[in-house]
């Protein structure tokens, strides 16, 4: 794959950074690989499996290089969707294919509901749309508690609560948010507050992403082919359950991908999934 070229894009309240890797062929649509808050470095292994087409990655607003310029403490799904709309417009290549992971999948669903003409195929891998689950009230209360803990006590205590949230299997009890918080040290997390409050996961996206409600009517009417992906190891934890609920809302069946929520990672951010198998499944899905 060719070396990536980095570009910037001005958006209201942020400057977005994105990378373009030119592919060997121009006959296939551009493939946009997105996460949230995961940024472009998380997709290096996956991008390497698609040298036959141009691949674009980006840092969503508030993550890594794409700093917010307005000082806002929270980022909405609508803002992310508008950023994606602007990015695809800037590429000026016609409809693109999109692989979107986690919060990126939520943002991509919002994009397609508004601008289906920009996306040929969307593969939305484990969108954590917790609002679609029967225990959503307990989950969203836990998300608010994580965000509030981050604002009051910093990264370590909030991340410990987040790990407890995403590690929980099955439905959440109504009092989950009130249960004793894990000790950050148990997970090797810092116990002292460094004073920073710019974490894109714990501060900016935690509540808005999980509270997202897909516009099923618009999505079902869209010209975009929408595929919901779920990891083979994720069926009973929050992202997997939410993905299945979204697929049900769309009236489709989720496609199983190798690994778990991080199945496409090949060592990025210290995580190892099943990148070769994952990429092979993604290629099959994209070819229809």
C-alpha atoms as a PDB file:
ATOM      1  CA  UNK A   1       0.000   0.000   0.000  1.00  0.00           C
ATOM      2  CA  UNK A   2       1.196   3.492  -0.803  1.00  0.00           C
ATOM      3  CA  UNK A   3       2.233   5.895   1.907  1.00  0.00           C
ATOM      4  CA  UNK A   4      -0.662   7.831   3.344  1.00  0.00           C
ATOM      5  CA  UNK A   5      -1.070  11.532   2.706  1.00  0.00           C
ATOM      6  CA  UNK A   6      -2.555  13.655   5.468  1.00  0.00           C
ATOM      7  CA  UNK A   7      -5.055  16.443   4.921  1.00  0.00           C
ATOM      8  CA  UNK A   8      -7.024  18.777   7.150  1.00  0.00           C
ATOM      9  CA  UNK A   9     -10.629  19.872   6.897  1.00  0.00           C
ATOM     10  CA  UNK A  10     -12.182  22.804   8.720  1.00  0.00           C
ATOM     11  CA  UNK A  11     -15.523  22.092  10.369  1.00  0.00           C
ATOM     12  CA  UNK A  12     -17.569  24.161  12.827  1.00  0.00           C
ATOM     13  CA  UNK A  13     -15.767  23.869  16.157  1.00  0.00           C
ATOM     14  CA  UNK A  14     -13.000  21.534  14.992  1.00  0.00           C
ATOM     15  CA  UNK A  15     -10.204  20.910  12.516  1.00  0.00           C
ATOM     16  CA  UNK A  16     -10.403  17.350  11.206  1.00  0.00           C
ATOM     17  CA  UNK A  17      -7.353  15.352  10.130  1.00  0.00           C
ATOM     18  CA  UNK A  18      -7.670  12.534   7.628  1.00  0.00           C
ATOM     19  CA  UNK A  19      -5.306  10.233   5.740  1.00  0.00           C
ATOM     20  CA  UNK A  20      -5.588   8.934   2.173  1.00  0.00           C
ATOM     21  CA  UNK A  21      -3.825   5.765   0.986  1.00  0.00           C
ATOM     22  CA  UNK A  22      -4.033   5.484  -2.794  1.00  0.00           C
ATOM     23  CA  UNK A  23      -4.977   1.998  -3.981  1.00  0.00           C
ATOM     24  CA  UNK A  24      -3.852  -0.008  -6.964  1.00  0.00           C
ATOM     25  CA  UNK A  25      -7.195   0.332  -8.733  1.00  0.00           C
ATOM     26  CA  UNK A  26      -9.651   3.139  -9.283  1.00  0.00           C
ATOM     27  CA  UNK A  27     -12.582   0.880 -10.195  1.00  0.00           C
ATOM     28  CA  UNK A  28     -13.628   0.113  -6.623  1.00  0.00           C
ATOM     29  CA  UNK A  29     -15.251   2.759  -4.404  1.00  0.00           C
ATOM     30  CA  UNK A  30     -13.079   4.488  -1.856  1.00  0.00           C
ATOM     31  CA  UNK A  31     -13.175   2.613   1.454  1.00  0.00           C
ATOM     32  CA  UNK A  32     -13.611   4.815   4.512  1.00  0.00           C
ATOM     33  CA  UNK A  33     -12.532   3.158   7.797  1.00  0.00           C
ATOM     34  CA  UNK A  34     -13.848   4.983  10.850  1.00  0.00           C
ATOM     35  CA  UNK A  35     -14.210   4.620  14.592  1.00  0.00           C
ATOM     36  CA  UNK A  36     -15.093   6.882  17.491  1.00  0.00           C
ATOM     37  CA  UNK A  37     -13.286   7.741  19.610  1.00  0.00           C
ATOM     38  CA  UNK A  38     -10.781   5.423  17.896  1.00  0.00           C
ATOM     39  CA  UNK A  39      -8.694   7.440  15.460  1.00  0.00           C
ATOM     40  CA  UNK A  40      -6.833   6.628  12.236  1.00  0.00           C
ATOM     41  CA  UNK A  41      -3.967   4.663  13.870  1.00  0.00           C
ATOM     42  CA  UNK A  42      -6.462   1.958  14.872  1.00  0.00           C
ATOM     43  CA  UNK A  43      -7.063   0.960  11.253  1.00  0.00           C
ATOM     44  CA  UNK A  44      -3.527   0.405   9.981  1.00  0.00           C
ATOM     45  CA  UNK A  45      -3.788  -3.399   9.950  1.00  0.00           C
ATOM     46  CA  UNK A  46      -7.211  -3.409   8.330  1.00  0.00           C
ATOM     47  CA  UNK A  47      -6.209  -0.864   5.678  1.00  0.00           C
ATOM     48  CA  UNK A  48      -3.244  -3.048   4.693  1.00  0.00           C
ATOM     49  CA  UNK A  49      -5.670  -5.744   3.520  1.00  0.00           C
ATOM     50  CA  UNK A  50      -7.301  -3.432   0.954  1.00  0.00           C
ATOM     51  CA  UNK A  51      -4.435  -2.328  -1.277  1.00  0.00           C
ATOM     52  CA  UNK A  52      -6.710  -2.758  -4.298  1.00  0.00           C
ATOM     53  CA  UNK A  53      -8.641   0.401  -3.483  1.00  0.00           C
ATOM     54  CA  UNK A  54      -8.071   3.809  -1.990  1.00  0.00           C
ATOM     55  CA  UNK A  55      -8.518   3.769   1.778  1.00  0.00           C
ATOM     56  CA  UNK A  56      -9.318   6.817   3.895  1.00  0.00           C
ATOM     57  CA  UNK A  57      -9.021   6.999   7.681  1.00  0.00           C
ATOM     58  CA  UNK A  58      -9.579   9.958   9.989  1.00  0.00           C
ATOM     59  CA  UNK A  59      -9.436  11.189  13.552  1.00  0.00           C
ATOM     60  CA  UNK A  60     -12.970  12.040  14.701  1.00  0.00           C
ATOM     61  CA  UNK A  61     -13.510  15.385  16.365  1.00  0.00           C
ATOM     62  CA  UNK A  62     -11.982  15.498  19.803  1.00  0.00           C
ATOM     63  CA  UNK A  63      -9.686  12.503  19.143  1.00  0.00           C
ATOM     64  CA  UNK A  64      -5.910  12.695  18.702  1.00  0.00           C
ATOM     65  CA  UNK A  65      -5.091  15.193  15.901  1.00  0.00           C
ATOM     66  CA  UNK A  66      -8.673  16.461  15.356  1.00  0.00           C
ATOM     67  CA  UNK A  67      -8.875  18.917  18.222  1.00  0.00           C
ATOM     68  CA  UNK A  68     -12.033  20.800  19.034  1.00  0.00           C
ATOM     69  CA  UNK A  69     -11.503  24.534  18.585  1.00  0.00           C
ATOM     70  CA  UNK A  70     -14.610  25.709  20.431  1.00  0.00           C
ATOM     71  CA  UNK A  71     -13.870  24.301  23.880  1.00  0.00           C
ATOM     72  CA  UNK A  72     -17.062  22.217  23.948  1.00  0.00           C
ATOM     73  CA  UNK A  73     -17.031  19.493  26.593  1.00  0.00           C
ATOM     74  CA  UNK A  74     -19.381  17.149  24.725  1.00  0.00           C
ATOM     75  CA  UNK A  75     -19.652  15.976  21.127  1.00  0.00           C
ATOM     76  CA  UNK A  76     -22.989  14.931  19.665  1.00  0.00           C
ATOM     77  CA  UNK A  77     -23.717  12.207  17.146  1.00  0.00           C
ATOM     78  CA  UNK A  78     -25.136  14.888  14.846  1.00  0.00           C
ATOM     79  CA  UNK A  79     -21.790  16.710  14.883  1.00  0.00           C
ATOM     80  CA  UNK A  80     -19.910  13.526  14.041  1.00  0.00           C
ATOM     81  CA  UNK A  81     -22.347  12.726  11.217  1.00  0.00           C
ATOM     82  CA  UNK A  82     -21.923  16.228   9.805  1.00  0.00           C
ATOM     83  CA  UNK A  83     -18.147  15.813   9.966  1.00  0.00           C
ATOM     84  CA  UNK A  84     -18.410  12.597   7.940  1.00  0.00           C
ATOM     85  CA  UNK A  85     -20.668  14.328   5.429  1.00  0.00           C
ATOM     86  CA  UNK A  86     -18.081  17.098   5.014  1.00  0.00           C
ATOM     87  CA  UNK A  87     -15.240  14.588   4.729  1.00  0.00           C
ATOM     88  CA  UNK A  88     -16.923  12.594   1.945  1.00  0.00           C
ATOM     89  CA  UNK A  89     -17.757  15.830   0.156  1.00  0.00           C
ATOM     90  CA  UNK A  90     -14.097  16.864   0.371  1.00  0.00           C
ATOM     91  CA  UNK A  91     -12.969  13.540  -1.108  1.00  0.00           C
ATOM     92  CA  UNK A  92     -15.145  14.276  -4.161  1.00  0.00           C
ATOM     93  CA  UNK A  93     -15.131  10.649  -5.335  1.00  0.00           C
ATOM     94  CA  UNK A  94     -18.816   9.734  -5.451  1.00  0.00           C
ATOM     95  CA  UNK A  95     -20.434   7.179  -3.128  1.00  0.00           C
ATOM     96  CA  UNK A  96     -17.960   5.468  -0.807  1.00  0.00           C
ATOM     97  CA  UNK A  97     -17.979   2.197   1.075  1.00  0.00           C
ATOM     98  CA  UNK A  98     -17.747   2.596   4.846  1.00  0.00           C
ATOM     99  CA  UNK A  99     -16.560   0.224   7.537  1.00  0.00           C
ATOM    100  CA  UNK A 100     -17.482   1.810  10.856  1.00  0.00           C
ATOM    101  CA  UNK A 101     -16.637   0.456  14.286  1.00  0.00           C
ATOM    102  CA  UNK A 102     -18.204   1.150  17.680  1.00  0.00           C
ATOM    103  CA  UNK A 103     -19.071   4.830  18.071  1.00  0.00           C
ATOM    104  CA  UNK A 104     -18.065   5.270  14.444  1.00  0.00           C
ATOM    105  CA  UNK A 105     -20.868   2.868  13.518  1.00  0.00           C
ATOM    106  CA  UNK A 106     -23.359   5.007  15.429  1.00  0.00           C
ATOM    107  CA  UNK A 107     -22.111   8.120  13.626  1.00  0.00           C
ATOM    108  CA  UNK A 108     -22.242   6.394  10.241  1.00  0.00           C
ATOM    109  CA  UNK A 109     -25.847   5.302  10.799  1.00  0.00           C
ATOM    110  CA  UNK A 110     -26.729   8.930  11.490  1.00  0.00           C
ATOM    111  CA  UNK A 111     -24.885   9.960   8.314  1.00  0.00           C
ATOM    112  CA  UNK A 112     -26.704   7.438   6.122  1.00  0.00           C
ATOM    113  CA  UNK A 113     -30.096   8.448   7.508  1.00  0.00           C
ATOM    114  CA  UNK A 114     -29.398  11.983   6.242  1.00  0.00           C
ATOM    115  CA  UNK A 115     -27.140  11.466   3.234  1.00  0.00           C
ATOM    116  CA  UNK A 116     -27.634   7.969   1.805  1.00  0.00           C
ATOM    117  CA  UNK A 117     -26.398   9.158  -1.586  1.00  0.00           C
ATOM    118  CA  UNK A 118     -22.872   9.435  -0.140  1.00  0.00           C
ATOM    119  CA  UNK A 119     -22.524   5.785   0.902  1.00  0.00           C
ATOM    120  CA  UNK A 120     -22.851   2.700  -1.296  1.00  0.00           C
ATOM    121  CA  UNK A 121     -22.378   0.107   1.453  1.00  0.00           C
ATOM    122  CA  UNK A 122     -22.154   0.669   5.203  1.00  0.00           C
ATOM    123  CA  UNK A 123     -20.797  -2.084   7.412  1.00  0.00           C
ATOM    124  CA  UNK A 124     -21.646  -0.932  10.946  1.00  0.00           C
ATOM    125  CA  UNK A 125     -19.690  -3.110  13.376  1.00  0.00           C
ATOM    126  CA  UNK A 126     -21.146  -3.193  16.883  1.00  0.00           C
ATOM    127  CA  UNK A 127     -22.766   0.245  17.194  1.00  0.00           C
ATOM    128  CA  UNK A 128     -23.265   0.736  20.966  1.00  0.00           C
ATOM    129  CA  UNK A 129     -26.768   2.188  20.612  1.00  0.00           C
ATOM    130  CA  UNK A 130     -27.733   1.254  24.155  1.00  0.00           C
ATOM    131  CA  UNK A 131     -31.031   3.102  23.851  1.00  0.00           C
ATOM    132  CA  UNK A 132     -32.305   0.164  21.792  1.00  0.00           C
ATOM    133  CA  UNK A 133     -32.004  -2.371  24.610  1.00  0.00           C
ATOM    134  CA  UNK A 134     -34.762  -3.210  27.102  1.00  0.00           C
ATOM    135  CA  UNK A 135     -32.384  -2.364  29.983  1.00  0.00           C
ATOM    136  CA  UNK A 136     -31.410   0.958  28.382  1.00  0.00           C
ATOM    137  CA  UNK A 137     -32.382   3.029  31.416  1.00  0.00           C
ATOM    138  CA  UNK A 138     -29.846   1.221  33.605  1.00  0.00           C
ATOM    139  CA  UNK A 139     -27.153   1.396  30.916  1.00  0.00           C
ATOM    140  CA  UNK A 140     -27.620   5.099  30.227  1.00  0.00           C
ATOM    141  CA  UNK A 141     -27.575   5.835  33.962  1.00  0.00           C
ATOM    142  CA  UNK A 142     -24.225   4.034  34.128  1.00  0.00           C
ATOM    143  CA  UNK A 143     -22.943   6.087  31.183  1.00  0.00           C
ATOM    144  CA  UNK A 144     -23.931   9.310  32.937  1.00  0.00           C
ATOM    145  CA  UNK A 145     -22.204   8.073  36.102  1.00  0.00           C
ATOM    146  CA  UNK A 146     -19.009   7.358  34.136  1.00  0.00           C
ATOM    147  CA  UNK A 147     -19.043  10.808  32.571  1.00  0.00           C
ATOM    148  CA  UNK A 148     -19.740  12.479  35.927  1.00  0.00           C
ATOM    149  CA  UNK A 149     -16.996  10.461  37.624  1.00  0.00           C
ATOM    150  CA  UNK A 150     -14.565  11.566  34.932  1.00  0.00           C
ATOM    151  CA  UNK A 151     -15.479  15.206  35.426  1.00  0.00           C
ATOM    152  CA  UNK A 152     -15.218  14.979  39.216  1.00  0.00           C
ATOM    153  CA  UNK A 153     -12.385  12.499  39.749  1.00  0.00           C
ATOM    154  CA  UNK A 154     -10.476  12.075  36.507  1.00  0.00           C
ATOM    155  CA  UNK A 155      -9.436   9.306  34.158  1.00  0.00           C
ATOM    156  CA  UNK A 156      -8.615   6.325  36.400  1.00  0.00           C
ATOM    157  CA  UNK A 157     -11.851   6.042  38.401  1.00  0.00           C
ATOM    158  CA  UNK A 158     -13.977   6.715  35.306  1.00  0.00           C
ATOM    159  CA  UNK A 159     -12.145   4.196  33.134  1.00  0.00           C
ATOM    160  CA  UNK A 160     -12.502   1.557  35.856  1.00  0.00           C
ATOM    161  CA  UNK A 161     -16.271   2.077  35.744  1.00  0.00           C
ATOM    162  CA  UNK A 162     -16.193   1.906  31.942  1.00  0.00           C
ATOM    163  CA  UNK A 163     -14.349  -1.418  32.026  1.00  0.00           C
ATOM    164  CA  UNK A 164     -16.995  -2.761  34.395  1.00  0.00           C
ATOM    165  CA  UNK A 165     -19.697  -1.583  31.981  1.00  0.00           C
ATOM    166  CA  UNK A 166     -18.270  -3.190  28.864  1.00  0.00           C
ATOM    167  CA  UNK A 167     -17.284  -6.376  30.706  1.00  0.00           C
ATOM    168  CA  UNK A 168     -20.781  -7.025  32.022  1.00  0.00           C
ATOM    169  CA  UNK A 169     -22.506  -9.980  30.382  1.00  0.00           C
ATOM    170  CA  UNK A 170     -26.251  -9.974  29.782  1.00  0.00           C
ATOM    171  CA  UNK A 171     -28.920  -7.511  30.927  1.00  0.00           C
ATOM    172  CA  UNK A 172     -27.952  -4.843  33.446  1.00  0.00           C
ATOM    173  CA  UNK A 173     -29.650  -4.664  36.843  1.00  0.00           C
ATOM    174  CA  UNK A 174     -31.559  -1.455  37.514  1.00  0.00           C
ATOM    175  CA  UNK A 175     -29.078  -0.388  40.207  1.00  0.00           C
ATOM    176  CA  UNK A 176     -25.905  -1.041  38.190  1.00  0.00           C
ATOM    177  CA  UNK A 177     -24.856   2.616  38.301  1.00  0.00           C
ATOM    178  CA  UNK A 178     -25.098   2.629  42.107  1.00  0.00           C
ATOM    179  CA  UNK A 179     -22.981  -0.471  42.632  1.00  0.00           C
ATOM    180  CA  UNK A 180     -19.536  -0.045  44.269  1.00  0.00           C
ATOM    181  CA  UNK A 181     -16.992   1.237  41.766  1.00  0.00           C
ATOM    182  CA  UNK A 182     -13.990  -0.935  40.914  1.00  0.00           C
ATOM    183  CA  UNK A 183     -10.584   0.090  42.210  1.00  0.00           C
ATOM    184  CA  UNK A 184      -8.655   1.670  39.295  1.00  0.00           C
ATOM    185  CA  UNK A 185      -5.462   0.032  40.537  1.00  0.00           C
ATOM    186  CA  UNK A 186      -7.019  -3.373  39.830  1.00  0.00           C
ATOM    187  CA  UNK A 187      -6.733  -2.578  36.130  1.00  0.00           C
ATOM    188  CA  UNK A 188      -3.378  -0.835  36.363  1.00  0.00           C
ATOM    189  CA  UNK A 189      -5.057   2.545  35.995  1.00  0.00           C
ATOM    190  CA  UNK A 190      -3.888   5.751  37.689  1.00  0.00           C
ATOM    191  CA  UNK A 191      -5.516   6.497  41.005  1.00  0.00           C
ATOM    192  CA  UNK A 192      -4.501  10.160  41.080  1.00  0.00           C
ATOM    193  CA  UNK A 193      -6.287  12.834  39.057  1.00  0.00           C
ATOM    194  CA  UNK A 194      -3.973  14.613  36.607  1.00  0.00           C
ATOM    195  CA  UNK A 195      -6.542  17.363  36.073  1.00  0.00           C
ATOM    196  CA  UNK A 196      -7.122  16.740  32.361  1.00  0.00           C
ATOM    197  CA  UNK A 197     -10.720  16.641  31.120  1.00  0.00           C
ATOM    198  CA  UNK A 198     -10.342  16.184  27.365  1.00  0.00           C
ATOM    199  CA  UNK A 199     -10.744  12.418  27.021  1.00  0.00           C
ATOM    200  CA  UNK A 200     -12.988  11.805  23.966  1.00  0.00           C
ATOM    201  CA  UNK A 201     -14.461   8.563  25.294  1.00  0.00           C
ATOM    202  CA  UNK A 202     -15.156   9.312  28.936  1.00  0.00           C
ATOM    203  CA  UNK A 203     -15.984  12.978  28.596  1.00  0.00           C
ATOM    204  CA  UNK A 204     -17.132  13.894  25.111  1.00  0.00           C
ATOM    205  CA  UNK A 205     -18.915  10.834  23.669  1.00  0.00           C
ATOM    206  CA  UNK A 206     -19.937   8.563  26.545  1.00  0.00           C
ATOM    207  CA  UNK A 207     -23.517   9.731  26.960  1.00  0.00           C
ATOM    208  CA  UNK A 208     -24.382  11.001  23.481  1.00  0.00           C
ATOM    209  CA  UNK A 209     -23.202   7.866  21.682  1.00  0.00           C
ATOM    210  CA  UNK A 210     -25.044   5.396  23.893  1.00  0.00           C
ATOM    211  CA  UNK A 211     -28.229   7.473  23.869  1.00  0.00           C
ATOM    212  CA  UNK A 212     -28.395   7.534  20.052  1.00  0.00           C
ATOM    213  CA  UNK A 213     -31.703   6.404  18.546  1.00  0.00           C
ATOM    214  CA  UNK A 214     -31.429   5.220  14.921  1.00  0.00           C
ATOM    215  CA  UNK A 215     -33.918   6.631  12.432  1.00  0.00           C
ATOM    216  CA  UNK A 216     -35.056   3.225  11.227  1.00  0.00           C
ATOM    217  CA  UNK A 217     -37.587   4.628   8.792  1.00  0.00           C
ATOM    218  CA  UNK A 218     -34.940   6.683   7.012  1.00  0.00           C
ATOM    219  CA  UNK A 219     -32.388   3.873   7.146  1.00  0.00           C
ATOM    220  CA  UNK A 220     -34.767   1.285   5.715  1.00  0.00           C
ATOM    221  CA  UNK A 221     -35.666   3.696   2.897  1.00  0.00           C
ATOM    222  CA  UNK A 222     -32.037   4.570   2.140  1.00  0.00           C
ATOM    223  CA  UNK A 223     -30.350   3.581  -1.115  1.00  0.00           C
ATOM    224  CA  UNK A 224     -27.350   2.538   0.976  1.00  0.00           C
ATOM    225  CA  UNK A 225     -26.879  -1.167   1.604  1.00  0.00           C
ATOM    226  CA  UNK A 226     -26.545  -1.445   5.400  1.00  0.00           C
ATOM    227  CA  UNK A 227     -24.935  -4.444   7.091  1.00  0.00           C
ATOM    228  CA  UNK A 228     -24.706  -4.716  10.874  1.00  0.00           C
ATOM    229  CA  UNK A 229     -21.700  -6.650  12.125  1.00  0.00           C
ATOM    230  CA  UNK A 230     -21.281  -8.395  15.471  1.00  0.00           C
ATOM    231  CA  UNK A 231     -18.197 -10.128  16.826  1.00  0.00           C
ATOM    232  CA  UNK A 232     -18.343 -13.845  17.399  1.00  0.00           C
ATOM    233  CA  UNK A 233     -17.136 -13.176  20.971  1.00  0.00           C
ATOM    234  CA  UNK A 234     -19.489 -10.259  21.684  1.00  0.00           C
ATOM    235  CA  UNK A 235     -22.965 -11.724  21.808  1.00  0.00           C
ATOM    236  CA  UNK A 236     -23.735 -11.116  25.495  1.00  0.00           C
ATOM    237  CA  UNK A 237     -21.807  -7.918  26.212  1.00  0.00           C
ATOM    238  CA  UNK A 238     -23.144  -4.436  25.569  1.00  0.00           C
ATOM    239  CA  UNK A 239     -21.782  -3.709  22.051  1.00  0.00           C
ATOM    240  CA  UNK A 240     -22.849  -7.101  20.757  1.00  0.00           C
ATOM    241  CA  UNK A 241     -26.319  -6.898  22.283  1.00  0.00           C
ATOM    242  CA  UNK A 242     -26.827  -3.389  20.924  1.00  0.00           C
ATOM    243  CA  UNK A 243     -25.695  -4.438  17.441  1.00  0.00           C
ATOM    244  CA  UNK A 244     -28.232  -7.257  17.378  1.00  0.00           C
ATOM    245  CA  UNK A 245     -30.952  -4.851  18.534  1.00  0.00           C
ATOM    246  CA  UNK A 246     -30.116  -2.398  15.732  1.00  0.00           C
ATOM    247  CA  UNK A 247     -30.164  -5.186  13.147  1.00  0.00           C
ATOM    248  CA  UNK A 248     -33.560  -6.217  14.442  1.00  0.00           C
ATOM    249  CA  UNK A 249     -34.781  -2.623  14.154  1.00  0.00           C
ATOM    250  CA  UNK A 250     -33.633  -2.560  10.546  1.00  0.00           C
ATOM    251  CA  UNK A 251     -35.357  -5.861   9.845  1.00  0.00           C
ATOM    252  CA  UNK A 252     -32.066  -7.519   8.890  1.00  0.00           C
ATOM    253  CA  UNK A 253     -29.814 -10.218  10.287  1.00  0.00           C
ATOM    254  CA  UNK A 254     -26.417  -9.272  11.699  1.00  0.00           C
ATOM    255  CA  UNK A 255     -23.302 -10.724  10.075  1.00  0.00           C
ATOM    256  CA  UNK A 256     -20.860 -12.428  12.426  1.00  0.00           C
ATOM    257  CA  UNK A 257     -17.248 -11.219  12.265  1.00  0.00           C
ATOM    258  CA  UNK A 258     -14.179 -12.976  13.725  1.00  0.00           C
ATOM    259  CA  UNK A 259     -13.072 -11.895  17.185  1.00  0.00           C
ATOM    260  CA  UNK A 260     -14.783  -9.446  19.442  1.00  0.00           C
ATOM    261  CA  UNK A 261     -15.320  -5.695  19.529  1.00  0.00           C
ATOM    262  CA  UNK A 262     -11.656  -5.216  18.568  1.00  0.00           C
ATOM    263  CA  UNK A 263     -11.545  -8.058  16.047  1.00  0.00           C
ATOM    264  CA  UNK A 264      -9.884  -5.980  13.309  1.00  0.00           C
ATOM    265  CA  UNK A 265      -6.978  -4.753  15.430  1.00  0.00           C
ATOM    266  CA  UNK A 266      -3.518  -6.121  14.745  1.00  0.00           C
ATOM    267  CA  UNK A 267      -1.658  -4.733  17.736  1.00  0.00           C
ATOM    268  CA  UNK A 268      -2.856  -1.155  17.478  1.00  0.00           C
ATOM    269  CA  UNK A 269      -3.393   0.446  20.880  1.00  0.00           C
ATOM    270  CA  UNK A 270      -1.967  -2.737  22.399  1.00  0.00           C
ATOM    271  CA  UNK A 271      -4.903  -4.926  21.318  1.00  0.00           C
ATOM    272  CA  UNK A 272      -4.792  -8.007  19.112  1.00  0.00           C
ATOM    273  CA  UNK A 273      -7.872  -9.338  17.388  1.00  0.00           C
ATOM    274  CA  UNK A 274      -8.042 -11.561  14.323  1.00  0.00           C
ATOM    275  CA  UNK A 275      -7.136  -9.027  11.623  1.00  0.00           C
ATOM    276  CA  UNK A 276      -6.565 -11.460   8.735  1.00  0.00           C
ATOM    277  CA  UNK A 277      -9.820 -13.328   9.273  1.00  0.00           C
ATOM    278  CA  UNK A 278     -11.689 -10.111   9.979  1.00  0.00           C
ATOM    279  CA  UNK A 279     -10.481  -8.477   6.772  1.00  0.00           C
ATOM    280  CA  UNK A 280     -11.452 -11.536   4.738  1.00  0.00           C
ATOM    281  CA  UNK A 281     -14.976 -11.393   6.149  1.00  0.00           C
ATOM    282  CA  UNK A 282     -15.205  -7.674   5.494  1.00  0.00           C
ATOM    283  CA  UNK A 283     -14.123  -8.151   1.879  1.00  0.00           C
ATOM    284  CA  UNK A 284     -16.797 -10.799   1.394  1.00  0.00           C
ATOM    285  CA  UNK A 285     -19.456  -8.530   2.882  1.00  0.00           C
ATOM    286  CA  UNK A 286     -18.407  -5.550   0.766  1.00  0.00           C
ATOM    287  CA  UNK A 287     -18.599  -7.574  -2.438  1.00  0.00           C
ATOM    288  CA  UNK A 288     -22.158  -8.521  -1.535  1.00  0.00           C
END
